Amino acid sequence: SWLEYEKETVDQWLVGTESNETDFQWYFSPTSAGTKMRLTNAGNLTVAGTVTVSGTGTTTIASSGNVQVGGKFWSFGTGSYSGKMGLGTYQPQAKVHISEVPTSTATSYPPYIGLIIEDNGVTGLGFIGTGETPIYFGDRDGYNAGNITYAHASNSMTFATDGGVLALTLDSSQNATFAGDVTVLSAGNSKVRIDSSDDAGDAILELSS
């Protein structure tokens, strides 16, 4: 059965359900326009257009609920918060701002930042994997202008530059292998010091070819 809202023209809104369906639909005629909104008997709501939440109200999703976005998701903030999304904060300072505290204690933020993760205590960023865990630094010419990669199989970390060319490897024994030269620039009283961990505390320098 349908409840019709008809204007002076042939266009009209139909609200109701088909006899062979259990879904409740908001339908716009002519039929070419299709269903605009559908509420299923399981409580799922599908909207064919854009959902806009305005005003000062709050949209609450239960802890057992989920939000699934098939397209783009953004915030319609105003002023300096325009186009930014905050998780845990209503004053996002970047495109995505994740905060453990509603009110920040930071006095300033770095410019040109796309992601901020903030806490008043310990702040961490975790990457969990079983193979290799890379962080890429890309540009217009490619995604891998440089990278930092942790290899879980060997428990080593590598640093690559200039298009992903290996520059430095730190292995599981804390040994460092440089692919190029190591240059120490003198500044004031700077020096190069090599200490051993033997009982005598003698400094050891080994040169080999």
N, C-alpha and C. Protein backbone atom coordinates (compact mmCIF):
# COMPACT_ATOMS: atom_id res chain seq x y z
N SER A 1 0.85 -1.18 0.00
CA SER A 1 0.00 0.00 0.00
C SER A 1 0.89 1.23 0.00
N TRP A 2 0.37 2.31 -0.62
CA TRP A 2 1.15 3.52 -0.76
C TRP A 2 0.35 4.72 -0.27
N LEU A 3 1.07 5.67 0.31
CA LEU A 3 0.50 6.96 0.68
C LEU A 3 1.06 7.98 -0.30
N GLU A 4 0.19 8.66 -1.03
CA GLU A 4 0.64 9.54 -2.10
C GLU A 4 0.58 11.00 -1.66
N TYR A 5 1.65 11.73 -2.08
CA TYR A 5 1.69 13.18 -1.92
C TYR A 5 1.81 13.76 -3.31
N GLU A 6 0.73 14.31 -3.83
CA GLU A 6 0.70 14.72 -5.22
C GLU A 6 0.61 16.24 -5.33
N LYS A 7 1.40 16.77 -6.26
CA LYS A 7 1.34 18.19 -6.56
C LYS A 7 0.42 18.41 -7.75
N GLU A 8 0.39 19.65 -8.23
CA GLU A 8 -0.46 19.96 -9.37
C GLU A 8 0.08 19.34 -10.64
N THR A 9 1.35 19.00 -10.65
CA THR A 9 1.94 18.35 -11.81
C THR A 9 1.83 16.84 -11.64
N VAL A 10 2.40 16.10 -12.59
CA VAL A 10 2.33 14.64 -12.52
C VAL A 10 3.32 14.07 -11.53
N ASP A 11 4.29 14.89 -11.09
CA ASP A 11 5.27 14.40 -10.13
C ASP A 11 4.63 14.20 -8.77
N GLN A 12 5.01 13.15 -8.09
CA GLN A 12 4.43 12.89 -6.78
C GLN A 12 5.37 12.00 -5.95
N TRP A 13 5.22 12.10 -4.63
CA TRP A 13 5.93 11.24 -3.71
C TRP A 13 5.02 10.08 -3.31
N LEU A 14 5.58 8.89 -3.28
CA LEU A 14 4.87 7.72 -2.82
C LEU A 14 5.61 7.15 -1.61
N VAL A 15 4.90 6.93 -0.54
CA VAL A 15 5.48 6.39 0.69
C VAL A 15 4.72 5.13 1.06
N GLY A 16 5.45 4.01 1.18
CA GLY A 16 4.77 2.77 1.53
C GLY A 16 5.61 1.57 1.15
N THR A 17 4.93 0.45 0.88
CA THR A 17 5.63 -0.79 0.59
C THR A 17 4.85 -1.58 -0.45
N GLU A 18 5.61 -2.35 -1.24
CA GLU A 18 4.97 -3.23 -2.20
C GLU A 18 4.32 -4.41 -1.47
N SER A 19 3.32 -5.02 -2.09
CA SER A 19 2.62 -6.13 -1.45
C SER A 19 3.51 -7.35 -1.27
N ASN A 20 4.51 -7.49 -2.12
CA ASN A 20 5.39 -8.66 -2.04
C ASN A 20 6.71 -8.34 -1.37
N GLU A 21 6.80 -7.19 -0.71
CA GLU A 21 8.04 -6.80 -0.04
C GLU A 21 7.77 -6.45 1.41
N THR A 22 8.84 -6.48 2.19
CA THR A 22 8.74 -6.07 3.60
C THR A 22 9.46 -4.74 3.84
N ASP A 23 10.07 -4.20 2.78
CA ASP A 23 10.78 -2.93 2.92
C ASP A 23 9.81 -1.76 2.81
N PHE A 24 10.10 -0.72 3.57
CA PHE A 24 9.34 0.52 3.50
C PHE A 24 10.11 1.50 2.63
N GLN A 25 9.46 2.08 1.62
CA GLN A 25 10.17 2.88 0.64
C GLN A 25 9.61 4.30 0.54
N TRP A 26 10.53 5.23 0.24
CA TRP A 26 10.16 6.58 -0.16
C TRP A 26 10.47 6.65 -1.65
N TYR A 27 9.43 6.82 -2.42
CA TYR A 27 9.54 6.65 -3.86
C TYR A 27 9.05 7.92 -4.55
N PHE A 28 9.76 8.33 -5.58
CA PHE A 28 9.37 9.53 -6.32
C PHE A 28 8.95 9.14 -7.73
N SER A 29 7.77 9.60 -8.12
CA SER A 29 7.24 9.32 -9.45
C SER A 29 7.54 10.52 -10.35
N PRO A 30 7.93 10.36 -11.61
CA PRO A 30 7.80 9.16 -12.42
C PRO A 30 8.78 8.04 -12.04
N THR A 31 8.47 6.86 -12.55
CA THR A 31 9.21 5.67 -12.16
C THR A 31 10.69 5.75 -12.51
N SER A 32 11.05 6.57 -13.47
CA SER A 32 12.46 6.69 -13.85
C SER A 32 13.31 7.26 -12.73
N ALA A 33 12.66 7.97 -11.79
CA ALA A 33 13.41 8.55 -10.68
C ALA A 33 13.85 7.50 -9.68
N GLY A 34 13.08 6.44 -9.54
CA GLY A 34 13.47 5.34 -8.66
C GLY A 34 13.25 5.61 -7.19
N THR A 35 13.60 4.61 -6.37
CA THR A 35 13.46 4.71 -4.92
C THR A 35 14.52 5.64 -4.37
N LYS A 36 14.11 6.58 -3.54
CA LYS A 36 15.04 7.54 -2.95
C LYS A 36 15.54 7.09 -1.59
N MET A 37 14.68 6.36 -0.86
CA MET A 37 15.09 5.89 0.46
C MET A 37 14.36 4.60 0.77
N ARG A 38 15.06 3.67 1.41
CA ARG A 38 14.47 2.36 1.71
C ARG A 38 14.82 1.96 3.14
N LEU A 39 13.82 1.55 3.89
CA LEU A 39 14.01 1.07 5.26
C LEU A 39 13.59 -0.39 5.30
N THR A 40 14.53 -1.29 5.60
CA THR A 40 14.23 -2.72 5.58
C THR A 40 13.67 -3.17 6.92
N ASN A 41 13.10 -4.39 6.92
CA ASN A 41 12.55 -4.92 8.17
C ASN A 41 13.64 -5.27 9.17
N ALA A 42 14.91 -5.25 8.72
CA ALA A 42 16.03 -5.48 9.63
C ALA A 42 16.54 -4.18 10.25
N GLY A 43 15.90 -3.06 9.86
CA GLY A 43 16.31 -1.78 10.43
C GLY A 43 17.42 -1.09 9.67
N ASN A 44 17.74 -1.56 8.45
CA ASN A 44 18.77 -0.94 7.64
C ASN A 44 18.16 0.15 6.77
N LEU A 45 18.84 1.28 6.68
CA LEU A 45 18.35 2.41 5.91
C LEU A 45 19.30 2.69 4.76
N THR A 46 18.77 2.76 3.54
CA THR A 46 19.55 3.06 2.35
C THR A 46 19.02 4.34 1.74
N VAL A 47 19.93 5.29 1.49
CA VAL A 47 19.56 6.57 0.92
C VAL A 47 20.26 6.72 -0.43
N ALA A 48 19.50 7.09 -1.47
CA ALA A 48 20.06 7.18 -2.81
C ALA A 48 20.82 8.48 -3.05
N GLY A 49 20.65 9.45 -2.20
CA GLY A 49 21.30 10.74 -2.40
C GLY A 49 22.29 11.06 -1.30
N THR A 50 22.32 12.30 -0.89
CA THR A 50 23.24 12.79 0.12
C THR A 50 22.53 12.99 1.44
N VAL A 51 23.16 12.54 2.53
CA VAL A 51 22.61 12.74 3.87
C VAL A 51 23.37 13.90 4.52
N THR A 52 22.67 14.93 4.90
CA THR A 52 23.28 16.11 5.50
C THR A 52 22.78 16.27 6.93
N VAL A 53 23.72 16.37 7.88
CA VAL A 53 23.39 16.63 9.28
C VAL A 53 23.78 18.06 9.57
N SER A 54 22.82 18.90 9.90
CA SER A 54 23.10 20.32 10.14
C SER A 54 22.64 20.72 11.52
N GLY A 55 22.99 21.94 11.88
CA GLY A 55 22.60 22.45 13.19
C GLY A 55 23.60 22.07 14.26
N THR A 56 23.18 22.20 15.50
CA THR A 56 24.07 21.94 16.63
C THR A 56 23.76 20.61 17.30
N GLY A 57 22.89 19.82 16.70
CA GLY A 57 22.53 18.55 17.30
C GLY A 57 23.64 17.52 17.18
N THR A 58 23.44 16.38 17.80
CA THR A 58 24.42 15.31 17.81
C THR A 58 23.82 14.06 17.20
N THR A 59 24.56 13.43 16.32
CA THR A 59 24.16 12.15 15.73
C THR A 59 24.87 11.05 16.49
N THR A 60 24.14 10.16 17.13
CA THR A 60 24.71 9.12 17.97
C THR A 60 24.54 7.76 17.32
N ILE A 61 25.61 6.98 17.31
CA ILE A 61 25.58 5.61 16.82
C ILE A 61 25.95 4.70 17.98
N ALA A 62 25.12 3.72 18.25
CA ALA A 62 25.35 2.83 19.39
C ALA A 62 26.69 2.12 19.26
N SER A 63 27.25 1.71 20.40
CA SER A 63 28.57 1.08 20.40
C SER A 63 28.60 -0.20 19.58
N SER A 64 27.46 -0.84 19.40
CA SER A 64 27.41 -2.07 18.62
C SER A 64 27.08 -1.80 17.15
N GLY A 65 26.90 -0.52 16.79
CA GLY A 65 26.54 -0.16 15.42
C GLY A 65 27.76 0.08 14.56
N ASN A 66 27.53 0.16 13.25
CA ASN A 66 28.60 0.39 12.29
C ASN A 66 28.19 1.48 11.32
N VAL A 67 29.18 2.20 10.83
CA VAL A 67 28.97 3.18 9.77
C VAL A 67 29.77 2.73 8.57
N GLN A 68 29.12 2.51 7.45
CA GLN A 68 29.80 2.08 6.24
C GLN A 68 29.59 3.14 5.17
N VAL A 69 30.69 3.65 4.62
CA VAL A 69 30.65 4.71 3.63
C VAL A 69 31.20 4.16 2.33
N GLY A 70 30.39 4.18 1.28
CA GLY A 70 30.83 3.66 0.00
C GLY A 70 31.50 4.70 -0.87
N GLY A 71 31.30 5.96 -0.58
CA GLY A 71 31.90 7.03 -1.37
C GLY A 71 32.86 7.85 -0.54
N LYS A 72 32.67 9.17 -0.53
CA LYS A 72 33.54 10.05 0.22
C LYS A 72 32.89 10.43 1.54
N PHE A 73 33.73 10.73 2.53
CA PHE A 73 33.25 11.08 3.86
C PHE A 73 34.01 12.32 4.31
N TRP A 74 33.31 13.38 4.61
CA TRP A 74 33.99 14.59 5.02
C TRP A 74 33.14 15.37 6.00
N SER A 75 33.75 16.40 6.57
CA SER A 75 33.08 17.23 7.55
C SER A 75 32.76 18.59 6.92
N PHE A 76 31.57 19.10 7.24
CA PHE A 76 31.19 20.42 6.77
C PHE A 76 31.44 21.46 7.85
N GLY A 77 32.64 21.46 8.41
CA GLY A 77 32.97 22.43 9.44
C GLY A 77 33.01 23.83 8.88
N THR A 78 33.01 24.80 9.75
CA THR A 78 33.06 26.20 9.33
C THR A 78 34.35 26.84 9.79
N GLY A 79 34.69 27.96 9.17
CA GLY A 79 35.90 28.67 9.55
C GLY A 79 37.14 27.85 9.32
N SER A 80 38.04 27.84 10.30
CA SER A 80 39.31 27.12 10.16
C SER A 80 39.12 25.60 10.21
N TYR A 81 37.94 25.13 10.57
CA TYR A 81 37.68 23.69 10.63
C TYR A 81 36.98 23.17 9.36
N SER A 82 36.78 24.02 8.38
CA SER A 82 36.05 23.64 7.18
C SER A 82 36.79 22.55 6.41
N GLY A 83 36.05 21.51 6.01
CA GLY A 83 36.62 20.44 5.23
C GLY A 83 37.51 19.49 6.01
N LYS A 84 37.44 19.53 7.34
CA LYS A 84 38.29 18.70 8.18
C LYS A 84 37.43 17.75 9.01
N MET A 85 37.99 16.59 9.35
CA MET A 85 37.26 15.60 10.12
C MET A 85 37.99 15.33 11.43
N GLY A 86 37.27 15.41 12.52
CA GLY A 86 37.86 15.14 13.82
C GLY A 86 37.30 13.88 14.43
N LEU A 87 38.16 13.02 14.94
CA LEU A 87 37.78 11.84 15.69
C LEU A 87 38.23 12.04 17.13
N GLY A 88 37.29 12.27 18.01
CA GLY A 88 37.62 12.56 19.40
C GLY A 88 37.81 14.04 19.67
N THR A 89 37.67 14.88 18.66
CA THR A 89 37.78 16.32 18.83
C THR A 89 36.80 17.02 17.90
N TYR A 90 36.24 18.13 18.34
CA TYR A 90 35.35 18.92 17.51
C TYR A 90 36.07 20.13 16.92
N GLN A 91 37.40 20.19 17.09
CA GLN A 91 38.20 21.28 16.54
C GLN A 91 39.37 20.70 15.74
N PRO A 92 39.09 19.99 14.65
CA PRO A 92 40.19 19.36 13.89
C PRO A 92 41.12 20.38 13.28
N GLN A 93 42.43 20.11 13.39
CA GLN A 93 43.44 21.03 12.87
C GLN A 93 44.10 20.50 11.60
N ALA A 94 43.61 19.38 11.07
CA ALA A 94 44.13 18.80 9.84
C ALA A 94 42.98 18.14 9.11
N LYS A 95 43.24 17.62 7.89
CA LYS A 95 42.20 16.92 7.15
C LYS A 95 41.61 15.80 8.00
N VAL A 96 42.46 15.08 8.72
CA VAL A 96 42.01 14.07 9.69
C VAL A 96 42.76 14.32 10.98
N HIS A 97 42.03 14.53 12.06
CA HIS A 97 42.63 14.81 13.36
C HIS A 97 42.05 13.81 14.36
N ILE A 98 42.91 12.92 14.86
CA ILE A 98 42.51 11.91 15.84
C ILE A 98 43.05 12.33 17.20
N SER A 99 42.16 12.47 18.16
CA SER A 99 42.58 12.96 19.47
C SER A 99 41.97 12.12 20.57
N GLU A 100 42.74 11.89 21.63
CA GLU A 100 42.25 11.19 22.80
C GLU A 100 41.69 12.17 23.83
N VAL A 101 41.82 13.46 23.56
CA VAL A 101 41.31 14.48 24.48
C VAL A 101 40.42 15.43 23.71
N PRO A 102 39.20 15.72 24.21
CA PRO A 102 38.29 16.63 23.50
C PRO A 102 38.86 18.02 23.31
N THR A 103 39.61 18.51 24.30
CA THR A 103 40.21 19.84 24.23
C THR A 103 41.71 19.71 24.22
N SER A 104 42.34 20.20 23.18
CA SER A 104 43.78 20.04 23.02
C SER A 104 44.55 20.96 23.97
N THR A 105 45.71 20.49 24.41
CA THR A 105 46.62 21.32 25.19
C THR A 105 47.76 21.86 24.34
N ALA A 106 47.75 21.52 23.05
CA ALA A 106 48.80 22.01 22.16
C ALA A 106 48.60 23.49 21.89
N THR A 107 49.70 24.23 21.84
CA THR A 107 49.64 25.67 21.57
C THR A 107 49.75 25.97 20.09
N SER A 108 50.26 25.03 19.30
CA SER A 108 50.37 25.24 17.86
C SER A 108 50.48 23.88 17.18
N TYR A 109 50.22 23.88 15.87
CA TYR A 109 50.31 22.66 15.07
C TYR A 109 51.18 22.94 13.85
N PRO A 110 51.87 21.92 13.35
CA PRO A 110 52.69 22.13 12.15
C PRO A 110 51.82 22.40 10.93
N PRO A 111 52.29 23.23 10.01
CA PRO A 111 51.50 23.54 8.81
C PRO A 111 51.57 22.40 7.79
N TYR A 112 50.63 22.42 6.86
CA TYR A 112 50.61 21.49 5.73
C TYR A 112 50.56 20.04 6.18
N ILE A 113 49.79 19.76 7.22
CA ILE A 113 49.70 18.42 7.76
C ILE A 113 48.35 17.82 7.38
N GLY A 114 48.35 16.59 6.86
CA GLY A 114 47.12 15.92 6.48
C GLY A 114 46.54 15.07 7.59
N LEU A 115 47.41 14.60 8.53
CA LEU A 115 46.97 13.72 9.61
C LEU A 115 47.65 14.12 10.90
N ILE A 116 46.85 14.28 11.95
CA ILE A 116 47.36 14.55 13.29
C ILE A 116 46.82 13.49 14.24
N ILE A 117 47.69 12.90 15.03
CA ILE A 117 47.31 11.98 16.09
C ILE A 117 47.79 12.59 17.40
N GLU A 118 46.86 12.83 18.32
CA GLU A 118 47.19 13.64 19.49
C GLU A 118 46.70 13.00 20.77
N ASP A 119 47.50 13.15 21.81
CA ASP A 119 47.12 12.76 23.15
C ASP A 119 47.93 13.60 24.12
N ASN A 120 47.42 13.81 25.30
CA ASN A 120 48.17 14.56 26.30
C ASN A 120 49.26 13.72 26.95
N GLY A 121 49.18 12.39 26.82
CA GLY A 121 50.19 11.50 27.37
C GLY A 121 51.01 10.87 26.26
N VAL A 122 51.11 9.54 26.29
CA VAL A 122 51.84 8.80 25.26
C VAL A 122 50.99 8.72 24.00
N THR A 123 51.57 9.09 22.88
CA THR A 123 50.87 9.06 21.59
C THR A 123 51.60 8.10 20.67
N GLY A 124 50.89 7.13 20.13
CA GLY A 124 51.54 6.13 19.30
C GLY A 124 50.81 5.89 17.99
N LEU A 125 51.55 5.36 17.04
CA LEU A 125 51.01 4.99 15.74
C LEU A 125 51.51 3.59 15.44
N GLY A 126 50.61 2.64 15.30
CA GLY A 126 51.00 1.24 15.16
C GLY A 126 50.73 0.69 13.78
N PHE A 127 51.68 -0.11 13.28
CA PHE A 127 51.51 -0.85 12.03
C PHE A 127 51.70 -2.33 12.34
N ILE A 128 50.68 -3.12 12.17
CA ILE A 128 50.72 -4.53 12.52
C ILE A 128 50.74 -5.35 11.24
N GLY A 129 51.70 -6.24 11.12
CA GLY A 129 51.79 -7.09 9.93
C GLY A 129 52.64 -8.31 10.21
N THR A 130 52.69 -9.22 9.26
CA THR A 130 53.49 -10.43 9.40
C THR A 130 54.55 -10.54 8.32
N GLY A 131 54.46 -9.73 7.28
CA GLY A 131 55.46 -9.75 6.22
C GLY A 131 56.35 -8.53 6.32
N GLU A 132 56.25 -7.65 5.34
CA GLU A 132 56.95 -6.39 5.39
C GLU A 132 55.96 -5.27 5.68
N THR A 133 56.39 -4.29 6.46
CA THR A 133 55.56 -3.15 6.80
C THR A 133 56.24 -1.88 6.31
N PRO A 134 55.90 -1.40 5.12
CA PRO A 134 56.55 -0.21 4.59
C PRO A 134 55.77 1.07 4.84
N ILE A 135 56.51 2.16 4.91
CA ILE A 135 55.95 3.50 4.89
C ILE A 135 56.55 4.19 3.68
N TYR A 136 55.70 4.60 2.74
CA TYR A 136 56.18 5.18 1.49
C TYR A 136 56.09 6.70 1.51
N PHE A 137 57.05 7.32 0.86
CA PHE A 137 57.06 8.76 0.65
C PHE A 137 57.05 8.98 -0.86
N GLY A 138 55.93 9.47 -1.39
CA GLY A 138 55.78 9.57 -2.83
C GLY A 138 55.68 11.00 -3.31
N ASP A 139 55.67 11.14 -4.63
CA ASP A 139 55.48 12.43 -5.26
C ASP A 139 54.71 12.22 -6.56
N ARG A 140 54.67 13.24 -7.41
CA ARG A 140 53.91 13.14 -8.65
C ARG A 140 54.49 12.11 -9.62
N ASP A 141 55.75 11.79 -9.46
CA ASP A 141 56.39 10.84 -10.37
C ASP A 141 56.20 9.39 -9.94
N GLY A 142 55.78 9.16 -8.73
CA GLY A 142 55.61 7.79 -8.26
C GLY A 142 55.37 7.74 -6.77
N TYR A 143 54.88 6.58 -6.31
CA TYR A 143 54.54 6.44 -4.89
C TYR A 143 55.76 6.16 -4.03
N ASN A 144 56.90 5.77 -4.65
CA ASN A 144 58.04 5.31 -3.87
C ASN A 144 59.27 6.16 -4.14
N ALA A 145 59.18 7.45 -3.79
CA ALA A 145 60.38 8.29 -3.86
C ALA A 145 61.36 7.88 -2.77
N GLY A 146 60.85 7.40 -1.67
CA GLY A 146 61.65 6.87 -0.58
C GLY A 146 60.75 6.05 0.33
N ASN A 147 61.34 5.23 1.19
CA ASN A 147 60.52 4.43 2.08
C ASN A 147 61.30 3.98 3.30
N ILE A 148 60.57 3.67 4.33
CA ILE A 148 61.10 2.99 5.53
C ILE A 148 60.33 1.68 5.65
N THR A 149 61.05 0.57 5.72
CA THR A 149 60.40 -0.74 5.71
C THR A 149 60.93 -1.61 6.83
N TYR A 150 60.00 -2.23 7.56
CA TYR A 150 60.39 -3.22 8.57
C TYR A 150 60.04 -4.60 8.05
N ALA A 151 61.04 -5.51 8.04
CA ALA A 151 60.85 -6.88 7.59
C ALA A 151 60.73 -7.78 8.81
N HIS A 152 59.55 -8.36 9.00
CA HIS A 152 59.32 -9.16 10.21
C HIS A 152 60.08 -10.49 10.18
N ALA A 153 60.30 -11.04 9.01
CA ALA A 153 61.00 -12.32 8.92
C ALA A 153 62.43 -12.21 9.42
N SER A 154 63.12 -11.13 9.08
CA SER A 154 64.52 -10.93 9.48
C SER A 154 64.66 -9.95 10.63
N ASN A 155 63.56 -9.35 11.06
CA ASN A 155 63.59 -8.34 12.12
C ASN A 155 64.60 -7.24 11.81
N SER A 156 64.54 -6.75 10.58
CA SER A 156 65.44 -5.69 10.15
C SER A 156 64.63 -4.52 9.62
N MET A 157 65.26 -3.36 9.63
CA MET A 157 64.62 -2.16 9.12
C MET A 157 65.52 -1.53 8.07
N THR A 158 64.92 -1.12 6.95
CA THR A 158 65.68 -0.51 5.87
C THR A 158 65.15 0.89 5.58
N PHE A 159 66.06 1.73 5.09
CA PHE A 159 65.73 3.08 4.67
C PHE A 159 66.16 3.22 3.21
N ALA A 160 65.24 3.67 2.38
CA ALA A 160 65.52 3.81 0.96
C ALA A 160 65.25 5.24 0.51
N THR A 161 66.05 5.72 -0.45
CA THR A 161 65.88 7.06 -0.99
C THR A 161 65.96 7.01 -2.51
N ASP A 162 65.73 8.15 -3.15
CA ASP A 162 65.94 8.31 -4.59
C ASP A 162 65.23 7.23 -5.41
N GLY A 163 63.93 7.11 -5.22
CA GLY A 163 63.17 6.14 -5.99
C GLY A 163 63.18 4.75 -5.40
N GLY A 164 63.39 4.64 -4.11
CA GLY A 164 63.36 3.33 -3.45
C GLY A 164 64.68 2.60 -3.43
N VAL A 165 65.79 3.30 -3.69
CA VAL A 165 67.11 2.67 -3.67
C VAL A 165 67.57 2.51 -2.22
N LEU A 166 68.01 1.29 -1.86
CA LEU A 166 68.40 0.99 -0.48
C LEU A 166 69.57 1.87 -0.05
N ALA A 167 69.43 2.53 1.10
CA ALA A 167 70.45 3.42 1.61
C ALA A 167 71.04 2.93 2.94
N LEU A 168 70.19 2.37 3.81
CA LEU A 168 70.65 1.96 5.14
C LEU A 168 69.85 0.76 5.59
N THR A 169 70.56 -0.21 6.21
CA THR A 169 69.91 -1.39 6.78
C THR A 169 70.33 -1.52 8.24
N LEU A 170 69.36 -1.67 9.12
CA LEU A 170 69.60 -1.98 10.52
C LEU A 170 69.11 -3.40 10.76
N ASP A 171 70.02 -4.32 11.11
CA ASP A 171 69.62 -5.72 11.24
C ASP A 171 69.21 -6.05 12.66
N SER A 172 68.85 -7.31 12.90
CA SER A 172 68.33 -7.73 14.20
C SER A 172 69.38 -7.71 15.30
N SER A 173 70.65 -7.61 14.93
CA SER A 173 71.74 -7.52 15.91
C SER A 173 72.20 -6.08 16.12
N GLN A 174 71.40 -5.14 15.63
CA GLN A 174 71.67 -3.71 15.74
C GLN A 174 72.90 -3.28 14.95
N ASN A 175 73.25 -4.04 13.92
CA ASN A 175 74.33 -3.64 13.02
C ASN A 175 73.76 -2.75 11.92
N ALA A 176 74.50 -1.73 11.57
CA ALA A 176 74.08 -0.79 10.53
C ALA A 176 74.95 -0.95 9.31
N THR A 177 74.30 -1.09 8.16
CA THR A 177 75.01 -1.20 6.89
C THR A 177 74.56 -0.07 5.99
N PHE A 178 75.52 0.78 5.60
CA PHE A 178 75.23 1.90 4.72
C PHE A 178 75.59 1.53 3.29
N ALA A 179 74.73 1.88 2.37
CA ALA A 179 75.00 1.58 0.97
C ALA A 179 75.93 2.61 0.33
N GLY A 180 76.14 3.73 0.99
CA GLY A 180 77.01 4.78 0.47
C GLY A 180 78.03 5.20 1.50
N ASP A 181 78.56 6.39 1.34
CA ASP A 181 79.57 6.92 2.25
C ASP A 181 78.92 7.48 3.51
N VAL A 182 79.69 7.48 4.59
CA VAL A 182 79.27 8.10 5.83
C VAL A 182 80.12 9.34 6.05
N THR A 183 79.51 10.47 6.09
CA THR A 183 80.22 11.74 6.20
C THR A 183 79.85 12.41 7.51
N VAL A 184 80.87 12.82 8.28
CA VAL A 184 80.66 13.55 9.53
C VAL A 184 81.10 14.98 9.32
N LEU A 185 80.18 15.90 9.46
CA LEU A 185 80.48 17.31 9.30
C LEU A 185 80.86 17.91 10.65
N SER A 186 81.99 18.59 10.70
CA SER A 186 82.47 19.18 11.93
C SER A 186 81.68 20.44 12.24
N ALA A 187 81.18 20.52 13.47
CA ALA A 187 80.48 21.71 13.93
C ALA A 187 80.86 21.95 15.38
N GLY A 188 81.69 22.95 15.63
CA GLY A 188 82.13 23.23 16.99
C GLY A 188 83.07 22.15 17.49
N ASN A 189 82.71 21.50 18.59
CA ASN A 189 83.54 20.47 19.20
C ASN A 189 83.05 19.07 18.87
N SER A 190 82.35 18.90 17.74
CA SER A 190 81.83 17.58 17.39
C SER A 190 82.97 16.63 17.10
N LYS A 191 82.76 15.36 17.35
CA LYS A 191 83.79 14.34 17.15
C LYS A 191 83.12 13.01 16.87
N VAL A 192 83.92 12.09 16.35
CA VAL A 192 83.47 10.73 16.14
C VAL A 192 84.11 9.87 17.21
N ARG A 193 83.29 9.16 17.99
CA ARG A 193 83.80 8.33 19.08
C ARG A 193 83.28 6.92 18.91
N ILE A 194 84.21 5.97 18.99
CA ILE A 194 83.84 4.56 18.86
C ILE A 194 84.21 3.86 20.16
N ASP A 195 83.23 3.35 20.88
CA ASP A 195 83.46 2.67 22.15
C ASP A 195 83.11 1.20 22.02
N SER A 196 83.87 0.37 22.70
CA SER A 196 83.54 -1.06 22.77
C SER A 196 82.86 -1.33 24.09
N SER A 197 82.29 -2.51 24.22
CA SER A 197 81.61 -2.88 25.46
C SER A 197 82.43 -3.89 26.27
N ASP A 198 83.76 -3.99 25.98
CA ASP A 198 84.57 -4.94 26.75
C ASP A 198 84.88 -4.37 28.12
N ASP A 199 85.43 -5.24 28.99
CA ASP A 199 85.68 -4.84 30.37
C ASP A 199 86.70 -3.73 30.48
N ALA A 200 87.67 -3.72 29.58
CA ALA A 200 88.71 -2.70 29.65
C ALA A 200 88.20 -1.35 29.17
N GLY A 201 87.12 -1.37 28.43
CA GLY A 201 86.57 -0.11 27.93
C GLY A 201 87.41 0.52 26.84
N ASP A 202 88.27 -0.29 26.19
CA ASP A 202 89.13 0.24 25.13
C ASP A 202 88.31 0.52 23.87
N ALA A 203 88.62 1.61 23.22
CA ALA A 203 87.99 1.93 21.95
C ALA A 203 88.62 1.12 20.85
N ILE A 204 87.81 0.56 19.99
CA ILE A 204 88.29 -0.30 18.93
C ILE A 204 87.85 0.26 17.59
N LEU A 205 88.77 0.39 16.66
CA LEU A 205 88.47 0.80 15.31
C LEU A 205 89.03 -0.24 14.38
N GLU A 206 88.18 -0.85 13.60
CA GLU A 206 88.60 -1.92 12.69
C GLU A 206 88.35 -1.44 11.26
N LEU A 207 89.40 -1.49 10.44
CA LEU A 207 89.29 -1.16 9.04
C LEU A 207 89.59 -2.41 8.25
N SER A 208 88.70 -2.76 7.31
CA SER A 208 88.90 -3.97 6.52
C SER A 208 88.52 -3.69 5.09
N SER A 209 89.03 -4.50 4.19
CA SER A 209 88.72 -4.35 2.79
C SER A 209 88.37 -5.71 2.19
